[in-house]
Amino acid sequence: MSTNRVHPIRSIVVSALFAASMAAGAIIIIPIGIVPITLQTLFVLLAGLLGGPRIALTSTAAYLLLGTMGLPVFSGGIGGIAHFASPTGGFLIGLFFMAAVAGAFSWLSERIARSRGVRLVIVSFGVLCASVVLYAIGLPLLRVRLGLDWTKTFAVGLLPFIPGDIIKIIASVVLYDLFRKRISAFLYLRWGENDYELP
């Protein structure tokens, strides 16, 4: 991302697209147990990496608000505020903080990295931290709501997802590297401008 001012209309467009992607990703599920595998978190990470903190938080908040209002955008095509009190509700809340962490590391990489390699190391560490934050928020509520001990909580809410999370982390960094300049050009260019360059 650039340090220039974001084009407001384009920022709204990108935020809306990311929110819609999160909803679509939540519908695509692999039911392996209490907590299904979805593509939702991949799009949350991409919102942070490609959009930065503001777009990440805006798009994730919009997605969560739509679900709270009852639209079927949560995992499995359901919605409603009651879902936040379900065993997986902590993971929904954690999405907001996941987006914030990914966006913060993306913002940081643009300001301190002087090479592509350093930037990729920073964002890779960032998406790893973002994933840890998601589980740090989601697992305690899962444990309380199901009355499990920590060993069982990790067994049903963490361990089955590690392979998929590794794939999504790698995919998010690869997609960030591929689309970073294009998204930045769209967000930061003035209308009619066609000369944009990022390191």
N, C-alpha and C. Protein backbone atom coordinates (compact mmCIF):
# COMPACT_ATOMS: atom_id res chain seq x y z
N MET A 1 0.83 -1.20 0.00
CA MET A 1 0.00 0.00 0.00
C MET A 1 0.86 1.25 0.00
N SER A 2 0.33 2.29 -0.50
CA SER A 2 1.04 3.55 -0.57
C SER A 2 0.76 4.37 0.68
N THR A 3 1.60 5.39 0.89
CA THR A 3 1.36 6.31 2.00
C THR A 3 0.46 7.46 1.57
N ASN A 4 0.01 7.50 0.29
CA ASN A 4 -0.89 8.53 -0.18
C ASN A 4 -2.29 8.29 0.38
N ARG A 5 -3.14 9.30 0.19
CA ARG A 5 -4.51 9.19 0.69
C ARG A 5 -5.30 8.22 -0.17
N VAL A 6 -6.10 7.39 0.50
CA VAL A 6 -6.92 6.41 -0.20
C VAL A 6 -8.09 7.11 -0.87
N HIS A 7 -8.41 6.69 -2.09
CA HIS A 7 -9.59 7.21 -2.78
C HIS A 7 -10.82 6.70 -2.04
N PRO A 8 -11.69 7.59 -1.52
CA PRO A 8 -12.78 7.16 -0.64
C PRO A 8 -13.77 6.20 -1.28
N ILE A 9 -14.17 6.48 -2.53
CA ILE A 9 -15.15 5.62 -3.18
C ILE A 9 -14.56 4.24 -3.45
N ARG A 10 -13.31 4.23 -3.88
CA ARG A 10 -12.67 2.95 -4.16
C ARG A 10 -12.44 2.15 -2.88
N SER A 11 -12.18 2.85 -1.80
CA SER A 11 -12.03 2.18 -0.52
C SER A 11 -13.32 1.48 -0.12
N ILE A 12 -14.45 2.14 -0.33
CA ILE A 12 -15.75 1.54 -0.02
C ILE A 12 -15.99 0.32 -0.90
N VAL A 13 -15.64 0.43 -2.18
CA VAL A 13 -15.82 -0.68 -3.11
C VAL A 13 -15.00 -1.89 -2.67
N VAL A 14 -13.74 -1.67 -2.33
CA VAL A 14 -12.86 -2.77 -1.92
C VAL A 14 -13.36 -3.38 -0.61
N SER A 15 -13.78 -2.53 0.33
CA SER A 15 -14.31 -3.04 1.61
C SER A 15 -15.53 -3.92 1.38
N ALA A 16 -16.42 -3.46 0.49
CA ALA A 16 -17.63 -4.23 0.20
C ALA A 16 -17.28 -5.56 -0.46
N LEU A 17 -16.30 -5.55 -1.34
CA LEU A 17 -15.89 -6.79 -2.01
C LEU A 17 -15.30 -7.78 -1.02
N PHE A 18 -14.51 -7.28 -0.09
CA PHE A 18 -13.93 -8.18 0.91
C PHE A 18 -15.02 -8.73 1.83
N ALA A 19 -15.97 -7.89 2.22
CA ALA A 19 -17.07 -8.36 3.07
C ALA A 19 -17.88 -9.44 2.36
N ALA A 20 -18.14 -9.23 1.07
CA ALA A 20 -18.87 -10.22 0.29
C ALA A 20 -18.06 -11.51 0.15
N SER A 21 -16.74 -11.37 0.01
CA SER A 21 -15.87 -12.55 -0.10
C SER A 21 -15.88 -13.36 1.19
N MET A 22 -15.90 -12.66 2.33
CA MET A 22 -15.97 -13.36 3.62
C MET A 22 -17.26 -14.14 3.72
N ALA A 23 -18.36 -13.54 3.27
CA ALA A 23 -19.65 -14.23 3.32
C ALA A 23 -19.64 -15.45 2.42
N ALA A 24 -19.09 -15.30 1.22
CA ALA A 24 -19.01 -16.43 0.29
C ALA A 24 -18.10 -17.51 0.84
N GLY A 25 -16.98 -17.10 1.44
CA GLY A 25 -16.05 -18.06 2.00
C GLY A 25 -16.62 -18.83 3.18
N ALA A 26 -17.53 -18.21 3.91
CA ALA A 26 -18.16 -18.88 5.06
C ALA A 26 -19.14 -19.95 4.63
N ILE A 27 -19.71 -19.78 3.44
CA ILE A 27 -20.69 -20.74 2.94
C ILE A 27 -20.00 -22.00 2.42
N ILE A 28 -18.77 -21.83 1.92
CA ILE A 28 -18.01 -22.97 1.42
C ILE A 28 -17.36 -23.65 2.63
N ILE A 29 -17.90 -24.76 3.07
CA ILE A 29 -17.42 -25.39 4.30
C ILE A 29 -17.04 -26.84 4.08
N ILE A 30 -16.12 -27.29 4.94
CA ILE A 30 -15.77 -28.70 5.04
C ILE A 30 -16.14 -29.12 6.46
N PRO A 31 -17.27 -29.81 6.64
CA PRO A 31 -17.75 -30.14 8.00
C PRO A 31 -16.96 -31.29 8.62
N ILE A 32 -16.01 -30.94 9.49
CA ILE A 32 -15.18 -31.97 10.10
C ILE A 32 -15.49 -32.13 11.59
N GLY A 33 -16.44 -31.34 12.10
CA GLY A 33 -16.76 -31.43 13.52
C GLY A 33 -17.50 -30.20 13.99
N ILE A 34 -17.26 -29.83 15.23
CA ILE A 34 -17.95 -28.69 15.84
C ILE A 34 -17.60 -27.39 15.12
N VAL A 35 -16.32 -27.22 14.78
CA VAL A 35 -15.85 -26.02 14.10
C VAL A 35 -15.49 -26.40 12.67
N PRO A 36 -16.30 -26.02 11.68
CA PRO A 36 -16.03 -26.43 10.30
C PRO A 36 -14.88 -25.64 9.69
N ILE A 37 -14.26 -26.22 8.67
CA ILE A 37 -13.23 -25.52 7.90
C ILE A 37 -13.92 -24.69 6.82
N THR A 38 -13.58 -23.41 6.74
CA THR A 38 -14.13 -22.53 5.71
C THR A 38 -13.01 -21.70 5.08
N LEU A 39 -13.36 -20.99 4.01
CA LEU A 39 -12.41 -20.07 3.37
C LEU A 39 -12.53 -18.66 3.93
N GLN A 40 -13.40 -18.50 4.90
CA GLN A 40 -13.67 -17.20 5.50
C GLN A 40 -12.40 -16.50 5.99
N THR A 41 -11.58 -17.24 6.73
CA THR A 41 -10.39 -16.63 7.31
C THR A 41 -9.37 -16.22 6.25
N LEU A 42 -9.36 -16.93 5.13
CA LEU A 42 -8.45 -16.54 4.04
C LEU A 42 -8.78 -15.13 3.57
N PHE A 43 -10.06 -14.83 3.40
CA PHE A 43 -10.46 -13.51 2.93
C PHE A 43 -10.28 -12.44 4.00
N VAL A 44 -10.40 -12.82 5.27
CA VAL A 44 -10.10 -11.88 6.34
C VAL A 44 -8.62 -11.50 6.30
N LEU A 45 -7.76 -12.48 6.14
CA LEU A 45 -6.32 -12.20 6.03
C LEU A 45 -6.01 -11.34 4.81
N LEU A 46 -6.65 -11.62 3.70
CA LEU A 46 -6.40 -10.83 2.48
C LEU A 46 -6.90 -9.40 2.64
N ALA A 47 -8.01 -9.23 3.35
CA ALA A 47 -8.49 -7.87 3.60
C ALA A 47 -7.45 -7.08 4.36
N GLY A 48 -6.80 -7.72 5.34
CA GLY A 48 -5.77 -7.04 6.10
C GLY A 48 -4.51 -6.78 5.28
N LEU A 49 -4.07 -7.79 4.55
CA LEU A 49 -2.81 -7.66 3.81
C LEU A 49 -2.94 -6.70 2.64
N LEU A 50 -4.03 -6.79 1.89
CA LEU A 50 -4.18 -5.98 0.69
C LEU A 50 -4.85 -4.64 0.95
N GLY A 51 -5.68 -4.58 1.96
CA GLY A 51 -6.40 -3.33 2.23
C GLY A 51 -5.84 -2.49 3.34
N GLY A 52 -5.03 -3.10 4.21
CA GLY A 52 -4.51 -2.36 5.35
C GLY A 52 -5.51 -2.33 6.49
N PRO A 53 -5.14 -1.71 7.61
CA PRO A 53 -5.99 -1.76 8.81
C PRO A 53 -7.40 -1.21 8.61
N ARG A 54 -7.52 -0.08 7.95
CA ARG A 54 -8.84 0.55 7.85
C ARG A 54 -9.82 -0.30 7.05
N ILE A 55 -9.40 -0.74 5.87
CA ILE A 55 -10.28 -1.56 5.03
C ILE A 55 -10.54 -2.91 5.68
N ALA A 56 -9.51 -3.46 6.33
CA ALA A 56 -9.68 -4.75 7.01
C ALA A 56 -10.76 -4.66 8.08
N LEU A 57 -10.68 -3.63 8.90
CA LEU A 57 -11.65 -3.48 9.99
C LEU A 57 -13.03 -3.12 9.45
N THR A 58 -13.07 -2.27 8.44
CA THR A 58 -14.36 -1.87 7.87
C THR A 58 -15.08 -3.05 7.24
N SER A 59 -14.36 -3.83 6.44
CA SER A 59 -14.98 -4.96 5.75
C SER A 59 -15.40 -6.05 6.73
N THR A 60 -14.55 -6.32 7.73
CA THR A 60 -14.89 -7.36 8.70
C THR A 60 -16.06 -6.92 9.57
N ALA A 61 -16.06 -5.66 9.97
CA ALA A 61 -17.19 -5.15 10.77
C ALA A 61 -18.48 -5.20 9.97
N ALA A 62 -18.41 -4.87 8.68
CA ALA A 62 -19.60 -4.92 7.83
C ALA A 62 -20.12 -6.35 7.72
N TYR A 63 -19.19 -7.28 7.55
CA TYR A 63 -19.57 -8.69 7.46
C TYR A 63 -20.25 -9.16 8.75
N LEU A 64 -19.65 -8.85 9.88
CA LEU A 64 -20.22 -9.27 11.15
C LEU A 64 -21.57 -8.60 11.41
N LEU A 65 -21.69 -7.34 11.00
CA LEU A 65 -22.96 -6.63 11.18
C LEU A 65 -24.07 -7.27 10.35
N LEU A 66 -23.75 -7.64 9.11
CA LEU A 66 -24.74 -8.30 8.26
C LEU A 66 -25.22 -9.60 8.91
N GLY A 67 -24.27 -10.36 9.47
CA GLY A 67 -24.65 -11.59 10.14
C GLY A 67 -25.48 -11.35 11.39
N THR A 68 -25.12 -10.31 12.13
CA THR A 68 -25.86 -9.96 13.34
C THR A 68 -27.31 -9.58 13.01
N MET A 69 -27.48 -8.96 11.86
CA MET A 69 -28.83 -8.55 11.43
C MET A 69 -29.67 -9.73 10.94
N GLY A 70 -29.06 -10.90 10.86
CA GLY A 70 -29.82 -12.08 10.48
C GLY A 70 -29.58 -12.59 9.09
N LEU A 71 -28.75 -11.89 8.31
CA LEU A 71 -28.45 -12.37 6.97
C LEU A 71 -27.64 -13.66 7.06
N PRO A 72 -27.87 -14.62 6.17
CA PRO A 72 -27.21 -15.93 6.26
C PRO A 72 -25.77 -15.90 5.74
N VAL A 73 -24.91 -15.17 6.43
CA VAL A 73 -23.54 -15.00 5.96
C VAL A 73 -22.51 -15.72 6.82
N PHE A 74 -22.95 -16.30 7.94
CA PHE A 74 -22.02 -17.03 8.80
C PHE A 74 -21.86 -18.46 8.28
N SER A 75 -20.93 -19.17 8.87
CA SER A 75 -20.61 -20.53 8.44
C SER A 75 -21.86 -21.40 8.35
N GLY A 76 -22.02 -22.04 7.20
CA GLY A 76 -23.19 -22.89 6.99
C GLY A 76 -24.41 -22.15 6.51
N GLY A 77 -24.26 -20.87 6.17
CA GLY A 77 -25.39 -20.09 5.66
C GLY A 77 -26.41 -19.73 6.72
N ILE A 78 -25.93 -19.39 7.91
CA ILE A 78 -26.83 -18.97 8.99
C ILE A 78 -26.48 -17.55 9.42
N GLY A 79 -27.33 -16.96 10.24
CA GLY A 79 -27.08 -15.61 10.74
C GLY A 79 -27.81 -15.40 12.04
N GLY A 80 -27.67 -14.20 12.59
CA GLY A 80 -28.35 -13.87 13.83
C GLY A 80 -27.38 -13.62 14.96
N ILE A 81 -27.76 -12.71 15.85
CA ILE A 81 -26.88 -12.32 16.95
C ILE A 81 -26.64 -13.47 17.92
N ALA A 82 -27.57 -14.42 17.99
CA ALA A 82 -27.41 -15.54 18.92
C ALA A 82 -26.19 -16.39 18.57
N HIS A 83 -25.76 -16.32 17.33
CA HIS A 83 -24.61 -17.13 16.91
C HIS A 83 -23.33 -16.72 17.64
N PHE A 84 -23.29 -15.48 18.14
CA PHE A 84 -22.10 -15.03 18.86
C PHE A 84 -21.98 -15.70 20.23
N ALA A 85 -23.08 -16.24 20.74
CA ALA A 85 -23.07 -16.94 22.02
C ALA A 85 -22.93 -18.45 21.85
N SER A 86 -22.82 -18.91 20.61
CA SER A 86 -22.67 -20.33 20.34
C SER A 86 -21.23 -20.75 20.64
N PRO A 87 -20.94 -22.04 20.63
CA PRO A 87 -19.56 -22.49 20.88
C PRO A 87 -18.54 -21.88 19.92
N THR A 88 -18.96 -21.57 18.70
CA THR A 88 -18.03 -20.99 17.72
C THR A 88 -18.11 -19.47 17.67
N GLY A 89 -18.89 -18.86 18.56
CA GLY A 89 -19.06 -17.40 18.53
C GLY A 89 -17.77 -16.64 18.77
N GLY A 90 -16.88 -17.22 19.58
CA GLY A 90 -15.60 -16.55 19.83
C GLY A 90 -14.76 -16.41 18.58
N PHE A 91 -14.90 -17.36 17.67
CA PHE A 91 -14.16 -17.28 16.42
C PHE A 91 -14.70 -16.15 15.54
N LEU A 92 -16.02 -15.93 15.61
CA LEU A 92 -16.59 -14.80 14.87
C LEU A 92 -16.04 -13.48 15.40
N ILE A 93 -16.04 -13.34 16.71
CA ILE A 93 -15.49 -12.13 17.32
C ILE A 93 -14.00 -11.99 16.97
N GLY A 94 -13.31 -13.11 16.98
CA GLY A 94 -11.88 -13.10 16.68
C GLY A 94 -11.54 -12.66 15.27
N LEU A 95 -12.49 -12.80 14.34
CA LEU A 95 -12.23 -12.37 12.97
C LEU A 95 -11.87 -10.89 12.90
N PHE A 96 -12.55 -10.09 13.72
CA PHE A 96 -12.29 -8.65 13.72
C PHE A 96 -10.86 -8.36 14.13
N PHE A 97 -10.39 -9.05 15.16
CA PHE A 97 -9.03 -8.83 15.65
C PHE A 97 -8.00 -9.48 14.74
N MET A 98 -8.38 -10.55 14.10
CA MET A 98 -7.52 -11.18 13.10
C MET A 98 -7.24 -10.20 11.96
N ALA A 99 -8.30 -9.56 11.49
CA ALA A 99 -8.16 -8.57 10.42
C ALA A 99 -7.28 -7.40 10.86
N ALA A 100 -7.47 -6.96 12.10
CA ALA A 100 -6.69 -5.84 12.62
C ALA A 100 -5.20 -6.16 12.66
N VAL A 101 -4.87 -7.36 13.11
CA VAL A 101 -3.46 -7.74 13.22
C VAL A 101 -2.83 -7.87 11.83
N ALA A 102 -3.53 -8.54 10.91
CA ALA A 102 -3.01 -8.68 9.54
C ALA A 102 -2.82 -7.32 8.89
N GLY A 103 -3.80 -6.44 9.08
CA GLY A 103 -3.69 -5.10 8.51
C GLY A 103 -2.56 -4.29 9.11
N ALA A 104 -2.35 -4.45 10.41
CA ALA A 104 -1.27 -3.71 11.08
C ALA A 104 0.10 -4.14 10.56
N PHE A 105 0.29 -5.43 10.37
CA PHE A 105 1.57 -5.91 9.85
C PHE A 105 1.78 -5.50 8.40
N SER A 106 0.69 -5.47 7.63
CA SER A 106 0.80 -4.99 6.26
C SER A 106 1.21 -3.52 6.23
N TRP A 107 0.57 -2.74 7.07
CA TRP A 107 0.91 -1.31 7.20
C TRP A 107 2.37 -1.14 7.61
N LEU A 108 2.80 -1.95 8.57
CA LEU A 108 4.18 -1.88 9.05
C LEU A 108 5.17 -2.24 7.95
N SER A 109 4.85 -3.26 7.18
CA SER A 109 5.77 -3.70 6.12
C SER A 109 5.99 -2.61 5.08
N GLU A 110 4.95 -1.83 4.81
CA GLU A 110 5.08 -0.77 3.81
C GLU A 110 5.96 0.36 4.29
N ARG A 111 6.12 0.48 5.58
CA ARG A 111 6.87 1.60 6.13
C ARG A 111 8.31 1.28 6.51
N ILE A 112 8.59 0.01 6.76
CA ILE A 112 9.96 -0.31 7.17
C ILE A 112 10.69 -1.22 6.20
N ALA A 113 9.96 -1.93 5.34
CA ALA A 113 10.63 -2.87 4.42
C ALA A 113 11.18 -2.12 3.22
N ARG A 114 12.40 -2.47 2.86
CA ARG A 114 13.04 -1.84 1.70
C ARG A 114 13.24 -2.83 0.57
N SER A 115 12.76 -4.04 0.75
CA SER A 115 12.87 -5.05 -0.30
C SER A 115 11.67 -5.97 -0.23
N ARG A 116 11.43 -6.66 -1.35
CA ARG A 116 10.30 -7.58 -1.41
C ARG A 116 10.45 -8.71 -0.40
N GLY A 117 11.66 -9.21 -0.25
CA GLY A 117 11.90 -10.32 0.67
C GLY A 117 11.57 -9.95 2.11
N VAL A 118 12.03 -8.79 2.54
CA VAL A 118 11.76 -8.35 3.91
C VAL A 118 10.27 -8.13 4.11
N ARG A 119 9.63 -7.55 3.11
CA ARG A 119 8.19 -7.30 3.21
C ARG A 119 7.43 -8.61 3.35
N LEU A 120 7.80 -9.63 2.60
CA LEU A 120 7.11 -10.91 2.67
C LEU A 120 7.34 -11.60 4.02
N VAL A 121 8.54 -11.43 4.58
CA VAL A 121 8.81 -11.99 5.90
C VAL A 121 7.91 -11.34 6.94
N ILE A 122 7.77 -10.02 6.85
CA ILE A 122 6.95 -9.28 7.82
C ILE A 122 5.49 -9.71 7.72
N VAL A 123 4.95 -9.77 6.50
CA VAL A 123 3.53 -10.11 6.37
C VAL A 123 3.29 -11.59 6.69
N SER A 124 4.26 -12.43 6.42
CA SER A 124 4.12 -13.85 6.78
C SER A 124 4.03 -14.01 8.29
N PHE A 125 4.89 -13.30 9.01
CA PHE A 125 4.82 -13.32 10.47
C PHE A 125 3.50 -12.71 10.94
N GLY A 126 3.05 -11.70 10.21
CA GLY A 126 1.79 -11.04 10.57
C GLY A 126 0.59 -11.96 10.46
N VAL A 127 0.49 -12.73 9.37
CA VAL A 127 -0.67 -13.61 9.23
C VAL A 127 -0.59 -14.77 10.23
N LEU A 128 0.62 -15.17 10.59
CA LEU A 128 0.76 -16.18 11.63
C LEU A 128 0.24 -15.64 12.96
N CYS A 129 0.65 -14.42 13.30
CA CYS A 129 0.17 -13.78 14.53
C CYS A 129 -1.35 -13.59 14.50
N ALA A 130 -1.87 -13.21 13.35
CA ALA A 130 -3.31 -13.01 13.21
C ALA A 130 -4.07 -14.31 13.45
N SER A 131 -3.52 -15.41 12.97
CA SER A 131 -4.16 -16.71 13.18
C SER A 131 -4.12 -17.11 14.65
N VAL A 132 -3.01 -16.82 15.31
CA VAL A 132 -2.90 -17.11 16.74
C VAL A 132 -3.93 -16.30 17.52
N VAL A 133 -4.11 -15.05 17.15
CA VAL A 133 -5.08 -14.19 17.83
C VAL A 133 -6.50 -14.76 17.67
N LEU A 134 -6.82 -15.25 16.47
CA LEU A 134 -8.14 -15.83 16.24
C LEU A 134 -8.40 -16.98 17.21
N TYR A 135 -7.43 -17.87 17.35
CA TYR A 135 -7.61 -19.01 18.25
C TYR A 135 -7.59 -18.58 19.72
N ALA A 136 -6.80 -17.57 20.03
CA ALA A 136 -6.74 -17.10 21.41
C ALA A 136 -8.08 -16.55 21.88
N ILE A 137 -8.87 -16.04 20.94
CA ILE A 137 -10.20 -15.53 21.28
C ILE A 137 -11.26 -16.61 21.14
N GLY A 138 -11.13 -17.44 20.12
CA GLY A 138 -12.15 -18.43 19.84
C GLY A 138 -12.16 -19.64 20.75
N LEU A 139 -10.99 -20.13 21.12
CA LEU A 139 -10.92 -21.37 21.90
C LEU A 139 -11.50 -21.26 23.32
N PRO A 140 -11.25 -20.17 24.05
CA PRO A 140 -11.84 -20.09 25.41
C PRO A 140 -13.36 -20.19 25.43
N LEU A 141 -14.04 -19.52 24.48
CA LEU A 141 -15.50 -19.60 24.46
C LEU A 141 -15.95 -21.00 24.06
N LEU A 142 -15.24 -21.61 23.13
CA LEU A 142 -15.55 -22.98 22.75
C LEU A 142 -15.45 -23.91 23.96
N ARG A 143 -14.42 -23.72 24.75
CA ARG A 143 -14.21 -24.55 25.95
C ARG A 143 -15.34 -24.34 26.96
N VAL A 144 -15.70 -23.08 27.20
CA VAL A 144 -16.73 -22.78 28.20
C VAL A 144 -18.09 -23.29 27.75
N ARG A 145 -18.44 -23.04 26.50
CA ARG A 145 -19.76 -23.41 26.01
C ARG A 145 -19.97 -24.92 25.95
N LEU A 146 -18.89 -25.66 25.70
CA LEU A 146 -19.01 -27.12 25.60
C LEU A 146 -18.61 -27.84 26.88
N GLY A 147 -18.07 -27.09 27.84
CA GLY A 147 -17.67 -27.69 29.10
C GLY A 147 -16.51 -28.66 28.97
N LEU A 148 -15.55 -28.32 28.13
CA LEU A 148 -14.41 -29.20 27.86
C LEU A 148 -13.20 -28.80 28.68
N ASP A 149 -12.28 -29.73 28.85
CA ASP A 149 -10.97 -29.33 29.37
C ASP A 149 -10.13 -28.84 28.21
N TRP A 150 -8.95 -28.30 28.53
CA TRP A 150 -8.15 -27.69 27.48
C TRP A 150 -7.64 -28.71 26.46
N THR A 151 -7.33 -29.91 26.92
CA THR A 151 -6.84 -30.94 26.00
C THR A 151 -7.89 -31.26 24.94
N LYS A 152 -9.13 -31.45 25.39
CA LYS A 152 -10.21 -31.73 24.44
C LYS A 152 -10.52 -30.52 23.58
N THR A 153 -10.43 -29.33 24.15
CA THR A 153 -10.67 -28.11 23.38
C THR A 153 -9.69 -27.99 22.22
N PHE A 154 -8.41 -28.21 22.50
CA PHE A 154 -7.41 -28.17 21.44
C PHE A 154 -7.67 -29.28 20.41
N ALA A 155 -8.14 -30.43 20.89
CA ALA A 155 -8.36 -31.56 19.99
C ALA A 155 -9.48 -31.29 18.99
N VAL A 156 -10.53 -30.56 19.43
CA VAL A 156 -11.67 -30.32 18.53
C VAL A 156 -11.63 -28.95 17.88
N GLY A 157 -10.92 -27.99 18.48
CA GLY A 157 -10.97 -26.62 17.97
C GLY A 157 -9.68 -26.08 17.39
N LEU A 158 -8.60 -26.86 17.46
CA LEU A 158 -7.32 -26.36 16.95
C LEU A 158 -6.61 -27.36 16.05
N LEU A 159 -6.30 -28.52 16.59
CA LEU A 159 -5.45 -29.48 15.88
C LEU A 159 -5.97 -29.85 14.48
N PRO A 160 -7.27 -30.09 14.28
CA PRO A 160 -7.74 -30.46 12.94
C PRO A 160 -7.56 -29.36 11.90
N PHE A 161 -7.36 -28.13 12.37
CA PHE A 161 -7.33 -26.99 11.45
C PHE A 161 -5.93 -26.53 11.08
N ILE A 162 -4.94 -27.08 11.74
CA ILE A 162 -3.58 -26.62 11.50
C ILE A 162 -3.15 -26.82 10.04
N PRO A 163 -3.36 -27.99 9.43
CA PRO A 163 -2.96 -28.13 8.01
C PRO A 163 -3.65 -27.12 7.10
N GLY A 164 -4.96 -26.96 7.29
CA GLY A 164 -5.68 -25.99 6.47
C GLY A 164 -5.23 -24.57 6.71
N ASP A 165 -4.93 -24.24 7.96
CA ASP A 165 -4.46 -22.90 8.28
C ASP A 165 -3.10 -22.61 7.63
N ILE A 166 -2.24 -23.62 7.62
CA ILE A 166 -0.94 -23.44 6.97
C ILE A 166 -1.13 -23.14 5.49
N ILE A 167 -2.04 -23.87 4.86
CA ILE A 167 -2.32 -23.63 3.44
C ILE A 167 -2.87 -22.23 3.22
N LYS A 168 -3.79 -21.81 4.10
CA LYS A 168 -4.39 -20.48 3.94
C LYS A 168 -3.38 -19.37 4.22
N ILE A 169 -2.47 -19.60 5.15
CA ILE A 169 -1.43 -18.61 5.42
C ILE A 169 -0.53 -18.44 4.19
N ILE A 170 -0.12 -19.57 3.63
CA ILE A 170 0.73 -19.51 2.43
C ILE A 170 -0.01 -18.86 1.28
N ALA A 171 -1.28 -19.27 1.09
CA ALA A 171 -2.07 -18.70 0.00
C ALA A 171 -2.26 -17.20 0.15
N SER A 172 -2.50 -16.74 1.36
CA SER A 172 -2.72 -15.30 1.58
C SER A 172 -1.46 -14.50 1.26
N VAL A 173 -0.30 -15.02 1.62
CA VAL A 173 0.94 -14.30 1.34
C VAL A 173 1.24 -14.31 -0.16
N VAL A 174 0.99 -15.44 -0.82
CA VAL A 174 1.21 -15.52 -2.27
C VAL A 174 0.28 -14.55 -3.00
N LEU A 175 -1.00 -14.55 -2.62
CA LEU A 175 -1.96 -13.64 -3.26
C LEU A 175 -1.63 -12.18 -2.96
N TYR A 176 -1.17 -11.92 -1.76
CA TYR A 176 -0.73 -10.56 -1.42
C TYR A 176 0.40 -10.12 -2.34
N ASP A 177 1.36 -11.00 -2.53
CA ASP A 177 2.50 -10.67 -3.37
C ASP A 177 2.08 -10.44 -4.82
N LEU A 178 1.09 -11.20 -5.28
CA LEU A 178 0.63 -11.09 -6.66
C LEU A 178 -0.20 -9.83 -6.91
N PHE A 179 -1.04 -9.46 -5.93
CA PHE A 179 -2.02 -8.41 -6.17
C PHE A 179 -1.75 -7.12 -5.41
N ARG A 180 -0.69 -7.04 -4.65
CA ARG A 180 -0.39 -5.86 -3.84
C ARG A 180 -0.37 -4.58 -4.67
N LYS A 181 0.39 -4.58 -5.74
CA LYS A 181 0.52 -3.36 -6.54
C LYS A 181 -0.79 -2.99 -7.22
N ARG A 182 -1.52 -3.99 -7.69
CA ARG A 182 -2.76 -3.71 -8.39
C ARG A 182 -3.81 -3.12 -7.45
N ILE A 183 -3.95 -3.70 -6.27
CA ILE A 183 -4.91 -3.17 -5.31
C ILE A 183 -4.50 -1.78 -4.85
N SER A 184 -3.20 -1.59 -4.62
CA SER A 184 -2.72 -0.27 -4.20
C SER A 184 -2.97 0.77 -5.28
N ALA A 185 -2.72 0.39 -6.53
CA ALA A 185 -2.96 1.32 -7.63
C ALA A 185 -4.43 1.71 -7.69
N PHE A 186 -5.30 0.75 -7.50
CA PHE A 186 -6.74 1.04 -7.54
C PHE A 186 -7.16 1.94 -6.39
N LEU A 187 -6.60 1.70 -5.21
CA LEU A 187 -7.00 2.45 -4.02
C LEU A 187 -6.45 3.86 -3.99
N TYR A 188 -5.24 4.04 -4.48
CA TYR A 188 -4.55 5.30 -4.24
C TYR A 188 -4.44 6.21 -5.45
N LEU A 189 -4.73 5.72 -6.64
CA LEU A 189 -4.65 6.58 -7.81
C LEU A 189 -5.83 7.55 -7.87
N ARG A 190 -5.55 8.73 -8.37
CA ARG A 190 -6.62 9.67 -8.65
C ARG A 190 -7.26 9.28 -9.98
N TRP A 191 -8.50 9.71 -10.20
CA TRP A 191 -9.19 9.37 -11.44
C TRP A 191 -8.36 9.82 -12.64
N GLY A 192 -8.16 8.90 -13.59
CA GLY A 192 -7.44 9.24 -14.81
C GLY A 192 -5.95 9.10 -14.70
N GLU A 193 -5.43 8.83 -13.52
CA GLU A 193 -3.99 8.71 -13.34
C GLU A 193 -3.55 7.31 -13.74
N ASN A 194 -2.41 7.21 -14.42
CA ASN A 194 -1.98 5.89 -14.89
C ASN A 194 -0.50 5.61 -14.63
N ASP A 195 0.12 6.44 -13.83
CA ASP A 195 1.54 6.26 -13.52
C ASP A 195 1.67 6.00 -12.04
N TYR A 196 1.84 4.73 -11.69
CA TYR A 196 1.90 4.38 -10.27
C TYR A 196 2.99 3.34 -10.09
N GLU A 197 3.80 3.52 -9.08
CA GLU A 197 4.90 2.58 -8.89
C GLU A 197 5.12 2.32 -7.39
N LEU A 198 5.27 1.07 -7.06
CA LEU A 198 5.61 0.67 -5.70
C LEU A 198 6.91 -0.14 -5.75
N PRO A 199 7.70 -0.08 -4.70
CA PRO A 199 8.93 -0.87 -4.69
C PRO A 199 8.65 -2.37 -4.64
